[in-house]
Amino acid sequence: MHKNVEQTLLERRSIRRNTRDAISQDDLDFIFEAIRNTPTSYNGEQFSVIDIDDQKLKEQLYELTNQKQIKTCNRFLVFCADFHKIEVAARAKNIPTGIFPRTVDGYTVGVIDASLAMMSAIVAAESRGLATCPVGYIRTVDPQKVSELLGLPQGVAAVCGLTLGVPAEMPDFKPKQPRPLLIHRNAYRRDNMTEELMAFDKTVSEYNATRSGAKTDNDWVSHMVDYYSEGADYRLLQAMRRQGFLTEDC
């Protein structure tokens, strides 16, 4: 089933349950070509994608992350920041690459390029009626182990994963922040947002308590602050430095 642009973008939701059906080669080719056509910083394509269809490897990544959709999806794509390719090419031409790949901006460029590529894949897959679910935890759960499993060389680091499959469910559409909290005209708004934010917090609480499937008592504010507290313990800086990123103080 093909969807139009409006359906693809406005009806998108993360789907974690897939059938056992394979994704057609035509659909995969379309997704990969969409990834190839992603806009990137300087047109440098500072990203690469690991396309995983090996069931044993998917199960190893599932055991690390406890994200069941990795084990049951048809394909798992891992989007990586990648300065390895330019390093190889520059060495071949005897051109020093300098420190940029190891700076904060260099890492940021790689993350942005990989993230844009993932969004290209999401839009392409969704337009073909496929199920997608981003998995950010692949970046933080155990960066060294993930790098070893995927054979990532220096200058390459996992940014995010994406499960692809044929959907076996259609979960409720999650509430999103209202437009005035997201879209600021000409400058960031400086009026008091508290009332609108508390209304959104209540909307999220009501959704989690009444949605189909597993229900929770999670609100928005407390749940996100707890997530940030957990994320602060990941020690990602050391892991990225082992992969050759963020070693320069600029």
Protein backbone atom coordinates (compact mmCIF):
# COMPACT_ATOMS: atom_id res chain seq x y z
CA MET A 1 0.00 0.00 0.00
CA HIS A 2 1.48 3.31 -1.09
CA LYS A 3 0.65 6.50 0.82
CA ASN A 4 0.62 10.08 -0.37
CA VAL A 5 2.88 12.72 1.19
CA GLU A 6 0.26 13.95 3.66
CA GLN A 7 -0.51 10.44 4.91
CA THR A 8 3.18 9.54 5.12
CA LEU A 9 4.13 12.54 7.25
CA LEU A 10 1.02 13.15 9.34
CA GLU A 11 -0.05 9.58 10.08
CA ARG A 12 3.41 8.29 11.00
CA ARG A 13 3.73 6.35 14.26
CA SER A 14 6.34 4.01 15.72
CA ILE A 15 5.31 0.37 15.26
CA ARG A 16 7.05 -2.29 17.34
CA ARG A 17 5.18 -5.42 16.26
CA ASN A 18 5.80 -6.86 12.79
CA THR A 19 4.62 -9.85 10.83
CA ARG A 20 7.07 -12.48 9.60
CA ASP A 21 6.70 -11.25 6.02
CA ALA A 22 9.81 -10.10 4.20
CA ILE A 23 10.19 -6.61 2.81
CA SER A 24 10.20 -6.67 -0.98
CA GLN A 25 13.44 -5.89 -2.78
CA ASP A 26 11.66 -3.06 -4.60
CA ASP A 27 10.75 -1.43 -1.29
CA LEU A 28 14.28 -1.91 0.06
CA ASP A 29 15.80 -0.41 -3.06
CA PHE A 30 13.52 2.61 -2.75
CA ILE A 31 14.48 3.09 0.91
CA PHE A 32 18.20 2.80 0.15
CA GLU A 33 17.95 5.27 -2.74
CA ALA A 34 16.10 7.71 -0.47
CA ILE A 35 18.95 7.36 2.02
CA ARG A 36 21.48 8.02 -0.74
CA ASN A 37 19.66 11.22 -1.70
CA THR A 38 19.75 12.66 1.83
CA PRO A 39 20.99 16.26 2.08
CA THR A 40 24.19 16.40 4.17
CA SER A 41 26.60 18.99 5.52
CA TYR A 42 28.93 20.28 2.77
CA ASN A 43 27.53 17.42 0.64
CA GLY A 44 30.19 15.39 2.44
CA GLU A 45 27.87 12.50 3.38
CA GLN A 46 29.41 12.09 6.83
CA PHE A 47 27.31 9.00 7.54
CA SER A 48 27.01 5.31 6.75
CA VAL A 49 24.29 2.73 7.37
CA ILE A 50 24.69 -0.85 8.61
CA ASP A 51 21.85 -2.93 7.08
CA ILE A 52 21.28 -5.93 9.35
CA ASP A 53 19.30 -8.97 8.25
CA ASP A 54 21.35 -11.57 10.18
CA GLN A 55 19.00 -12.96 12.83
CA LYS A 56 21.78 -13.91 15.23
CA LEU A 57 23.17 -10.38 15.15
CA LYS A 58 19.71 -8.87 15.63
CA GLU A 59 19.23 -11.10 18.67
CA GLN A 60 22.60 -10.03 20.10
CA LEU A 61 21.56 -6.39 19.74
CA TYR A 62 18.20 -7.22 21.31
CA GLU A 63 19.95 -8.80 24.29
CA LEU A 64 21.92 -5.57 24.77
CA THR A 65 19.00 -3.17 24.42
CA ASN A 66 15.96 -5.23 25.48
CA GLN A 67 14.17 -3.67 22.51
CA LYS A 68 12.12 -6.59 21.23
CA GLN A 69 11.38 -4.95 17.88
CA ILE A 70 15.05 -5.38 16.93
CA LYS A 71 14.72 -9.16 17.23
CA THR A 72 11.41 -9.40 15.38
CA CYS A 73 11.84 -6.82 12.61
CA ASN A 74 12.72 -7.86 9.06
CA ARG A 75 15.64 -5.40 8.77
CA PHE A 76 17.46 -3.30 11.34
CA LEU A 77 19.34 -0.27 10.04
CA VAL A 78 22.01 1.40 12.18
CA PHE A 79 22.82 4.94 11.11
CA CYS A 80 26.36 6.02 11.92
CA ALA A 81 28.38 9.22 11.94
CA ASP A 82 31.28 8.46 9.62
CA PHE A 83 34.57 10.28 9.02
CA HIS A 84 36.43 7.06 8.23
CA LYS A 85 35.70 7.28 4.50
CA ILE A 86 37.10 10.78 4.11
CA GLU A 87 40.17 9.80 6.15
CA VAL A 88 40.83 6.87 3.77
CA ALA A 89 40.33 9.01 0.69
CA ALA A 90 42.44 11.87 2.04
CA ARG A 91 45.32 9.50 2.84
CA ALA A 92 45.18 8.20 -0.74
CA LYS A 93 45.68 11.77 -1.97
CA ASN A 94 48.21 12.69 0.75
CA ILE A 95 45.90 15.37 2.15
CA PRO A 96 45.78 15.85 5.94
CA THR A 97 42.21 15.99 7.26
CA GLY A 98 43.08 18.17 10.25
CA ILE A 99 41.26 18.07 13.57
CA PHE A 100 37.69 18.81 12.40
CA PRO A 101 36.41 15.21 12.59
CA ARG A 102 37.46 15.11 16.25
CA THR A 103 35.84 18.41 17.29
CA VAL A 104 32.39 19.03 18.77
CA ASP A 105 31.23 20.46 15.45
CA GLY A 106 32.64 17.48 13.57
CA TYR A 107 30.72 15.02 15.76
CA THR A 108 27.60 17.20 15.45
CA VAL A 109 27.87 17.20 11.66
CA GLY A 110 28.09 13.40 11.66
CA VAL A 111 25.10 13.06 13.98
CA ILE A 112 23.01 15.47 11.90
CA ASP A 113 23.87 13.71 8.64
CA ALA A 114 23.04 10.29 10.10
CA SER A 115 19.79 11.62 11.59
CA LEU A 116 18.71 13.17 8.30
CA ALA A 117 19.45 9.87 6.57
CA MET A 118 17.29 8.03 9.08
CA MET A 119 14.42 10.44 8.45
CA SER A 120 14.79 9.83 4.71
CA ALA A 121 14.47 6.10 5.42
CA ILE A 122 11.45 6.61 7.67
CA VAL A 123 9.59 8.67 5.08
CA ALA A 124 10.42 6.24 2.28
CA ALA A 125 9.41 3.18 4.32
CA GLU A 126 6.22 4.77 5.65
CA SER A 127 5.20 5.80 2.14
CA ARG A 128 5.28 2.10 1.20
CA GLY A 129 3.09 1.14 4.16
CA LEU A 130 5.95 -0.42 6.15
CA ALA A 131 6.43 -0.30 9.92
CA THR A 132 9.29 1.75 11.37
CA CYS A 133 10.56 2.36 14.88
CA PRO A 134 13.63 4.46 15.73
CA VAL A 135 15.85 2.99 18.46
CA GLY A 136 18.04 5.66 20.01
CA TYR A 137 19.23 3.31 22.76
CA ILE A 138 21.59 1.64 20.28
CA ARG A 139 23.79 4.75 20.67
CA THR A 140 24.11 4.64 24.44
CA VAL A 141 23.44 1.13 25.76
CA ASP A 142 27.02 -0.13 25.31
CA PRO A 143 28.83 1.84 22.58
CA GLN A 144 31.97 -0.30 22.71
CA LYS A 145 30.06 -3.57 22.39
CA VAL A 146 27.87 -2.20 19.60
CA SER A 147 30.99 -0.98 17.76
CA GLU A 148 32.55 -4.43 18.11
CA LEU A 149 29.43 -6.26 16.91
CA LEU A 150 29.10 -4.00 13.87
CA GLY A 151 32.84 -3.84 13.13
CA LEU A 152 32.93 -0.05 13.28
CA PRO A 153 36.41 1.39 12.62
CA GLN A 154 37.85 4.55 14.15
CA GLY A 155 35.93 7.57 12.95
CA VAL A 156 32.58 5.75 12.89
CA ALA A 157 30.00 5.75 15.69
CA ALA A 158 26.41 4.53 15.94
CA VAL A 159 23.87 7.35 16.18
CA CYS A 160 20.48 5.66 15.94
CA GLY A 161 18.81 2.47 14.79
CA LEU A 162 15.65 1.94 12.77
CA THR A 163 13.54 -1.21 12.62
CA LEU A 164 11.78 -2.00 9.35
CA GLY A 165 9.05 -4.55 8.83
CA VAL A 166 5.51 -5.31 7.73
CA PRO A 167 3.19 -3.94 10.44
CA ALA A 168 1.28 -6.31 12.71
CA GLU A 169 -0.37 -3.52 14.71
CA MET A 170 -1.56 0.06 14.38
CA PRO A 171 -0.99 1.75 17.75
CA ASP A 172 -2.83 4.86 18.84
CA PHE A 173 -1.42 8.11 17.56
CA LYS A 174 0.66 9.73 20.30
CA PRO A 175 -0.07 13.32 21.33
CA LYS A 176 2.37 15.92 20.05
CA GLN A 177 3.08 19.38 21.43
CA PRO A 178 0.72 22.02 20.01
CA ARG A 179 2.14 24.21 17.28
CA PRO A 180 2.65 27.35 19.42
CA LEU A 181 5.10 25.42 21.62
CA LEU A 182 7.08 24.20 18.63
CA ILE A 183 6.97 26.93 16.00
CA HIS A 184 8.39 30.31 17.05
CA ARG A 185 8.10 33.24 14.65
CA ASN A 186 11.25 35.30 14.05
CA ALA A 187 12.54 34.77 17.61
CA TYR A 188 12.03 32.37 20.49
CA ARG A 189 8.84 33.32 22.32
CA ARG A 190 9.42 34.86 25.74
CA ASP A 191 5.92 34.84 27.23
CA ASN A 192 4.91 32.41 29.97
CA MET A 193 4.45 28.91 28.50
CA THR A 194 3.60 27.24 31.80
CA GLU A 195 -0.15 26.87 31.26
CA GLU A 196 0.31 25.39 27.78
CA LEU A 197 3.04 23.02 28.97
CA MET A 198 0.94 21.81 31.89
CA ALA A 199 -1.98 21.24 29.52
CA PHE A 200 0.27 19.12 27.31
CA ASP A 201 1.53 17.22 30.36
CA LYS A 202 -2.09 16.41 31.23
CA THR A 203 -2.80 15.32 27.64
CA VAL A 204 0.14 12.89 27.75
CA SER A 205 -0.99 11.51 31.12
CA GLU A 206 -4.51 10.91 29.80
CA TYR A 207 -3.15 9.23 26.65
CA ASN A 208 -0.91 6.86 28.62
CA ALA A 209 -3.75 5.95 30.96
CA THR A 210 -6.33 5.24 28.23
CA ARG A 211 -4.40 4.11 25.15
CA SER A 212 -4.93 0.68 23.65
CA GLY A 213 -2.40 -1.94 24.71
CA ALA A 214 -0.15 -1.46 27.74
CA LYS A 215 -1.22 1.47 29.89
CA THR A 216 0.99 3.49 32.26
CA ASP A 217 0.69 6.32 34.76
CA ASN A 218 3.50 8.27 33.06
CA ASP A 219 3.10 11.99 32.61
CA TRP A 220 5.34 13.99 30.28
CA VAL A 221 7.44 16.15 32.61
CA SER A 222 8.45 13.60 35.26
CA HIS A 223 8.98 10.86 32.70
CA MET A 224 11.30 13.01 30.59
CA VAL A 225 13.28 14.30 33.58
CA ASP A 226 13.77 10.70 34.73
CA TYR A 227 14.98 9.84 31.22
CA TYR A 228 17.45 12.74 31.27
CA SER A 229 18.77 11.61 34.66
CA GLU A 230 19.33 8.11 33.30
CA GLY A 231 20.95 9.50 30.15
CA ALA A 232 23.46 11.50 32.21
CA ASP A 233 24.93 8.21 33.45
CA TYR A 234 25.77 6.81 30.00
CA ARG A 235 29.28 8.33 29.93
CA LEU A 236 28.99 8.76 26.19
CA LEU A 237 31.96 11.13 25.93
CA GLN A 238 34.50 8.43 26.82
CA ALA A 239 32.86 6.00 24.40
CA MET A 240 32.93 8.49 21.54
CA ARG A 241 36.57 9.32 22.23
CA ARG A 242 37.41 5.62 21.89
CA GLN A 243 35.90 5.80 18.41
CA GLY A 244 37.98 8.85 17.52
CA PHE A 245 35.40 11.59 18.13
CA LEU A 246 35.45 14.60 20.51
CA THR A 247 39.15 14.35 21.34
CA GLU A 248 39.78 18.01 20.55
CA ASP A 249 38.72 20.85 22.88
CA CYS A 250 37.08 22.89 20.14
